[in-house]
């Protein structure tokens, strides 16, 4: 058996690495296209129903009061900048893809702590005048740090089905 020389071994390793990277890029590109990944980069709420699991939520949103005034991104993406909005979309896209590809999800979807905070801030952003008064009454005075909220004063504690009423 012929022994590989250092330059030949380097060439073989580079070819193997190129094939692996090419395979990952190819599979990733195919998956992104098949899953209509580009549709999630826009603000079209219809893209949220690309997965069959979300169709019921989308249908409920269409009939809800928020369906007339707010899109999915208005409630489920941060409002504090483009970078945080697309970080949220990328993060959710990755974890949703992973869960739906592996089948590791509950049919009765549960909101994560991260998305609960995003949604809470979205409520407070759109309804800030009303929330301001509620915070003053509930806390005694408005706290300077808007991220520090009493859990019992969270909007989605009482209004958890808003936007997805069935």
C-alpha atoms as a PDB file:
ATOM      1  CA  UNK A   1       0.000   0.000   0.000  1.00  0.00           C
ATOM      2  CA  UNK A   2       1.334   3.380  -0.995  1.00  0.00           C
ATOM      3  CA  UNK A   3       1.897   5.879   1.794  1.00  0.00           C
ATOM      4  CA  UNK A   4       0.297   9.325   1.291  1.00  0.00           C
ATOM      5  CA  UNK A   5       2.726  12.197   1.204  1.00  0.00           C
ATOM      6  CA  UNK A   6       1.983  15.397   3.091  1.00  0.00           C
ATOM      7  CA  UNK A   7       0.940  17.443  -0.013  1.00  0.00           C
ATOM      8  CA  UNK A   8      -1.262  14.602  -1.258  1.00  0.00           C
ATOM      9  CA  UNK A   9      -2.860  14.165   2.204  1.00  0.00           C
ATOM     10  CA  UNK A  10      -3.573  17.915   2.354  1.00  0.00           C
ATOM     11  CA  UNK A  11      -5.215  17.767  -1.067  1.00  0.00           C
ATOM     12  CA  UNK A  12      -7.405  14.811  -0.047  1.00  0.00           C
ATOM     13  CA  UNK A  13      -8.423  16.568   3.177  1.00  0.00           C
ATOM     14  CA  UNK A  14      -9.285  19.760   1.285  1.00  0.00           C
ATOM     15  CA  UNK A  15     -11.415  17.788  -1.182  1.00  0.00           C
ATOM     16  CA  UNK A  16     -13.259  16.010   1.661  1.00  0.00           C
ATOM     17  CA  UNK A  17     -13.865  19.340   3.456  1.00  0.00           C
ATOM     18  CA  UNK A  18     -15.077  20.942   0.199  1.00  0.00           C
ATOM     19  CA  UNK A  19     -17.486  18.052  -0.403  1.00  0.00           C
ATOM     20  CA  UNK A  20     -18.845  18.299   3.170  1.00  0.00           C
ATOM     21  CA  UNK A  21     -19.290  22.084   2.967  1.00  0.00           C
ATOM     22  CA  UNK A  22     -20.839  21.766  -0.506  1.00  0.00           C
ATOM     23  CA  UNK A  23     -23.226  19.105   0.773  1.00  0.00           C
ATOM     24  CA  UNK A  24     -24.274  21.237   3.742  1.00  0.00           C
ATOM     25  CA  UNK A  25     -24.775  24.309   1.543  1.00  0.00           C
ATOM     26  CA  UNK A  26     -26.726  22.230  -0.980  1.00  0.00           C
ATOM     27  CA  UNK A  27     -28.994  20.645   1.615  1.00  0.00           C
ATOM     28  CA  UNK A  28     -29.446  24.008   3.362  1.00  0.00           C
ATOM     29  CA  UNK A  29     -30.323  25.752   0.095  1.00  0.00           C
ATOM     30  CA  UNK A  30     -32.769  23.010  -0.883  1.00  0.00           C
ATOM     31  CA  UNK A  31     -34.402  23.065   2.551  1.00  0.00           C
ATOM     32  CA  UNK A  32     -34.653  26.872   2.570  1.00  0.00           C
ATOM     33  CA  UNK A  33     -36.311  26.802  -0.868  1.00  0.00           C
ATOM     34  CA  UNK A  34     -38.594  23.848  -0.103  1.00  0.00           C
ATOM     35  CA  UNK A  35     -39.732  25.444   3.175  1.00  0.00           C
ATOM     36  CA  UNK A  36     -40.325  28.792   1.422  1.00  0.00           C
ATOM     37  CA  UNK A  37     -37.759  30.389   3.745  1.00  0.00           C
ATOM     38  CA  UNK A  38     -37.633  33.671   1.810  1.00  0.00           C
ATOM     39  CA  UNK A  39     -41.315  34.267   2.588  1.00  0.00           C
ATOM     40  CA  UNK A  40     -40.442  34.605   6.283  1.00  0.00           C
ATOM     41  CA  UNK A  41     -38.150  37.552   5.564  1.00  0.00           C
ATOM     42  CA  UNK A  42     -41.160  39.673   4.606  1.00  0.00           C
ATOM     43  CA  UNK A  43     -44.048  40.942   6.711  1.00  0.00           C
ATOM     44  CA  UNK A  44     -46.720  38.852   4.942  1.00  0.00           C
ATOM     45  CA  UNK A  45     -48.753  37.059   7.601  1.00  0.00           C
ATOM     46  CA  UNK A  46     -49.774  34.385   5.084  1.00  0.00           C
ATOM     47  CA  UNK A  47     -46.224  32.991   5.295  1.00  0.00           C
ATOM     48  CA  UNK A  48     -46.893  32.040   8.916  1.00  0.00           C
ATOM     49  CA  UNK A  49     -49.367  29.436   7.630  1.00  0.00           C
ATOM     50  CA  UNK A  50     -46.741  27.668   5.479  1.00  0.00           C
ATOM     51  CA  UNK A  51     -46.631  24.944   8.133  1.00  0.00           C
ATOM     52  CA  UNK A  52     -49.812  22.924   8.653  1.00  0.00           C
ATOM     53  CA  UNK A  53     -49.415  23.308  12.423  1.00  0.00           C
ATOM     54  CA  UNK A  54     -49.926  27.071  12.103  1.00  0.00           C
ATOM     55  CA  UNK A  55     -52.984  26.999   9.831  1.00  0.00           C
ATOM     56  CA  UNK A  56     -55.435  26.936  12.762  1.00  0.00           C
ATOM     57  CA  UNK A  57     -53.670  29.862  14.416  1.00  0.00           C
ATOM     58  CA  UNK A  58     -53.679  31.782  11.125  1.00  0.00           C
ATOM     59  CA  UNK A  59     -57.400  31.118  10.563  1.00  0.00           C
ATOM     60  CA  UNK A  60     -58.179  32.231  14.115  1.00  0.00           C
ATOM     61  CA  UNK A  61     -56.085  35.380  13.637  1.00  0.00           C
ATOM     62  CA  UNK A  62     -58.027  36.241  10.453  1.00  0.00           C
ATOM     63  CA  UNK A  63     -61.284  36.217  12.465  1.00  0.00           C
ATOM     64  CA  UNK A  64     -59.898  38.020  15.500  1.00  0.00           C
ATOM     65  CA  UNK A  65     -59.957  41.732  16.243  1.00  0.00           C
ATOM     66  CA  UNK A  66     -56.179  41.863  15.711  1.00  0.00           C
ATOM     67  CA  UNK A  67     -56.565  40.304  12.252  1.00  0.00           C
ATOM     68  CA  UNK A  68     -57.976  43.606  11.038  1.00  0.00           C
ATOM     69  CA  UNK A  69     -55.269  45.821  12.549  1.00  0.00           C
ATOM     70  CA  UNK A  70     -52.069  43.840  13.147  1.00  0.00           C
ATOM     71  CA  UNK A  71     -49.988  41.296  11.271  1.00  0.00           C
ATOM     72  CA  UNK A  72     -48.075  38.402  12.783  1.00  0.00           C
ATOM     73  CA  UNK A  73     -44.866  40.451  12.996  1.00  0.00           C
ATOM     74  CA  UNK A  74     -46.636  43.217  14.894  1.00  0.00           C
ATOM     75  CA  UNK A  75     -47.132  40.847  17.826  1.00  0.00           C
ATOM     76  CA  UNK A  76     -44.406  38.240  17.342  1.00  0.00           C
ATOM     77  CA  UNK A  77     -41.346  40.330  16.369  1.00  0.00           C
ATOM     78  CA  UNK A  78     -39.508  43.003  18.368  1.00  0.00           C
ATOM     79  CA  UNK A  79     -40.143  46.669  17.614  1.00  0.00           C
ATOM     80  CA  UNK A  80     -36.800  48.038  18.793  1.00  0.00           C
ATOM     81  CA  UNK A  81     -34.837  47.696  15.562  1.00  0.00           C
ATOM     82  CA  UNK A  82     -34.260  45.782  12.348  1.00  0.00           C
ATOM     83  CA  UNK A  83     -31.429  43.686  13.799  1.00  0.00           C
ATOM     84  CA  UNK A  84     -33.493  42.387  16.732  1.00  0.00           C
ATOM     85  CA  UNK A  85     -36.480  41.750  14.437  1.00  0.00           C
ATOM     86  CA  UNK A  86     -34.431  39.594  12.065  1.00  0.00           C
ATOM     87  CA  UNK A  87     -32.607  37.912  14.958  1.00  0.00           C
ATOM     88  CA  UNK A  88     -36.020  36.907  16.304  1.00  0.00           C
ATOM     89  CA  UNK A  89     -37.157  35.657  12.889  1.00  0.00           C
ATOM     90  CA  UNK A  90     -33.927  33.699  12.348  1.00  0.00           C
ATOM     91  CA  UNK A  91     -34.027  32.231  15.854  1.00  0.00           C
ATOM     92  CA  UNK A  92     -37.655  31.184  15.545  1.00  0.00           C
ATOM     93  CA  UNK A  93     -37.107  29.905  12.011  1.00  0.00           C
ATOM     94  CA  UNK A  94     -34.221  27.714  13.128  1.00  0.00           C
ATOM     95  CA  UNK A  95     -36.039  26.238  16.116  1.00  0.00           C
ATOM     96  CA  UNK A  96     -39.316  25.806  14.210  1.00  0.00           C
ATOM     97  CA  UNK A  97     -37.482  24.078  11.339  1.00  0.00           C
ATOM     98  CA  UNK A  98     -35.640  21.829  13.757  1.00  0.00           C
ATOM     99  CA  UNK A  99     -38.822  20.897  15.618  1.00  0.00           C
ATOM    100  CA  UNK A 100     -40.925  20.310  12.497  1.00  0.00           C
ATOM    101  CA  UNK A 101     -38.159  18.392  10.699  1.00  0.00           C
ATOM    102  CA  UNK A 102     -37.525  16.085  13.643  1.00  0.00           C
ATOM    103  CA  UNK A 103     -41.212  15.916  14.649  1.00  0.00           C
ATOM    104  CA  UNK A 104     -40.235  16.984  18.170  1.00  0.00           C
ATOM    105  CA  UNK A 105     -43.109  19.360  18.973  1.00  0.00           C
ATOM    106  CA  UNK A 106     -46.502  19.272  20.622  1.00  0.00           C
ATOM    107  CA  UNK A 107     -49.558  19.776  18.405  1.00  0.00           C
ATOM    108  CA  UNK A 108     -50.787  22.233  21.025  1.00  0.00           C
ATOM    109  CA  UNK A 109     -47.981  24.739  20.553  1.00  0.00           C
ATOM    110  CA  UNK A 110     -46.550  26.468  23.611  1.00  0.00           C
ATOM    111  CA  UNK A 111     -44.924  29.902  23.584  1.00  0.00           C
ATOM    112  CA  UNK A 112     -41.291  30.018  24.739  1.00  0.00           C
ATOM    113  CA  UNK A 113     -40.069  32.432  27.416  1.00  0.00           C
ATOM    114  CA  UNK A 114     -38.189  34.408  24.756  1.00  0.00           C
ATOM    115  CA  UNK A 115     -41.291  34.771  22.574  1.00  0.00           C
ATOM    116  CA  UNK A 116     -43.442  35.568  25.608  1.00  0.00           C
ATOM    117  CA  UNK A 117     -41.160  38.551  26.329  1.00  0.00           C
ATOM    118  CA  UNK A 118     -41.289  39.650  22.661  1.00  0.00           C
ATOM    119  CA  UNK A 119     -45.082  39.431  22.609  1.00  0.00           C
ATOM    120  CA  UNK A 120     -45.414  41.229  25.941  1.00  0.00           C
ATOM    121  CA  UNK A 121     -43.287  44.109  24.650  1.00  0.00           C
ATOM    122  CA  UNK A 122     -45.326  44.215  21.428  1.00  0.00           C
ATOM    123  CA  UNK A 123     -48.552  44.589  23.443  1.00  0.00           C
ATOM    124  CA  UNK A 124     -46.975  47.361  25.477  1.00  0.00           C
ATOM    125  CA  UNK A 125     -45.657  49.070  22.344  1.00  0.00           C
ATOM    126  CA  UNK A 126     -49.046  49.249  20.576  1.00  0.00           C
ATOM    127  CA  UNK A 127     -51.143  49.885  23.674  1.00  0.00           C
ATOM    128  CA  UNK A 128     -48.674  52.097  25.565  1.00  0.00           C
ATOM    129  CA  UNK A 129     -51.193  54.749  26.685  1.00  0.00           C
ATOM    130  CA  UNK A 130     -53.508  52.169  28.239  1.00  0.00           C
ATOM    131  CA  UNK A 131     -50.657  50.085  29.664  1.00  0.00           C
ATOM    132  CA  UNK A 132     -49.077  53.186  31.184  1.00  0.00           C
ATOM    133  CA  UNK A 133     -52.233  53.809  33.219  1.00  0.00           C
ATOM    134  CA  UNK A 134     -52.498  50.147  34.253  1.00  0.00           C
ATOM    135  CA  UNK A 135     -48.848  50.123  35.350  1.00  0.00           C
ATOM    136  CA  UNK A 136     -49.321  53.264  37.421  1.00  0.00           C
ATOM    137  CA  UNK A 137     -52.379  51.799  39.118  1.00  0.00           C
ATOM    138  CA  UNK A 138     -50.878  48.337  39.642  1.00  0.00           C
ATOM    139  CA  UNK A 139     -47.392  49.334  40.746  1.00  0.00           C
ATOM    140  CA  UNK A 140     -48.077  52.698  42.306  1.00  0.00           C
ATOM    141  CA  UNK A 141     -45.691  54.475  39.974  1.00  0.00           C
ATOM    142  CA  UNK A 142     -44.293  53.655  36.556  1.00  0.00           C
ATOM    143  CA  UNK A 143     -40.935  51.942  36.779  1.00  0.00           C
ATOM    144  CA  UNK A 144     -38.120  53.462  34.744  1.00  0.00           C
ATOM    145  CA  UNK A 145     -36.927  50.066  33.479  1.00  0.00           C
ATOM    146  CA  UNK A 146     -39.705  48.864  31.162  1.00  0.00           C
ATOM    147  CA  UNK A 147     -38.278  45.335  31.072  1.00  0.00           C
ATOM    148  CA  UNK A 148     -38.793  44.986  34.821  1.00  0.00           C
ATOM    149  CA  UNK A 149     -42.492  44.130  35.080  1.00  0.00           C
ATOM    150  CA  UNK A 150     -44.437  42.319  37.708  1.00  0.00           C
ATOM    151  CA  UNK A 151     -45.435  38.951  36.240  1.00  0.00           C
ATOM    152  CA  UNK A 152     -48.942  39.428  37.568  1.00  0.00           C
ATOM    153  CA  UNK A 153     -49.178  42.622  35.501  1.00  0.00           C
ATOM    154  CA  UNK A 154     -48.241  41.011  32.157  1.00  0.00           C
ATOM    155  CA  UNK A 155     -50.707  41.700  29.341  1.00  0.00           C
ATOM    156  CA  UNK A 156     -50.699  38.134  28.055  1.00  0.00           C
ATOM    157  CA  UNK A 157     -51.429  36.733  31.483  1.00  0.00           C
ATOM    158  CA  UNK A 158     -55.079  37.718  31.042  1.00  0.00           C
ATOM    159  CA  UNK A 159     -55.145  38.171  27.263  1.00  0.00           C
ATOM    160  CA  UNK A 160     -53.338  34.997  26.172  1.00  0.00           C
ATOM    161  CA  UNK A 161     -55.709  34.192  23.310  1.00  0.00           C
ATOM    162  CA  UNK A 162     -55.876  37.696  21.824  1.00  0.00           C
ATOM    163  CA  UNK A 163     -55.057  37.489  18.160  1.00  0.00           C
ATOM    164  CA  UNK A 164     -55.787  33.779  18.021  1.00  0.00           C
ATOM    165  CA  UNK A 165     -59.348  33.612  19.350  1.00  0.00           C
ATOM    166  CA  UNK A 166     -61.069  30.472  18.152  1.00  0.00           C
END
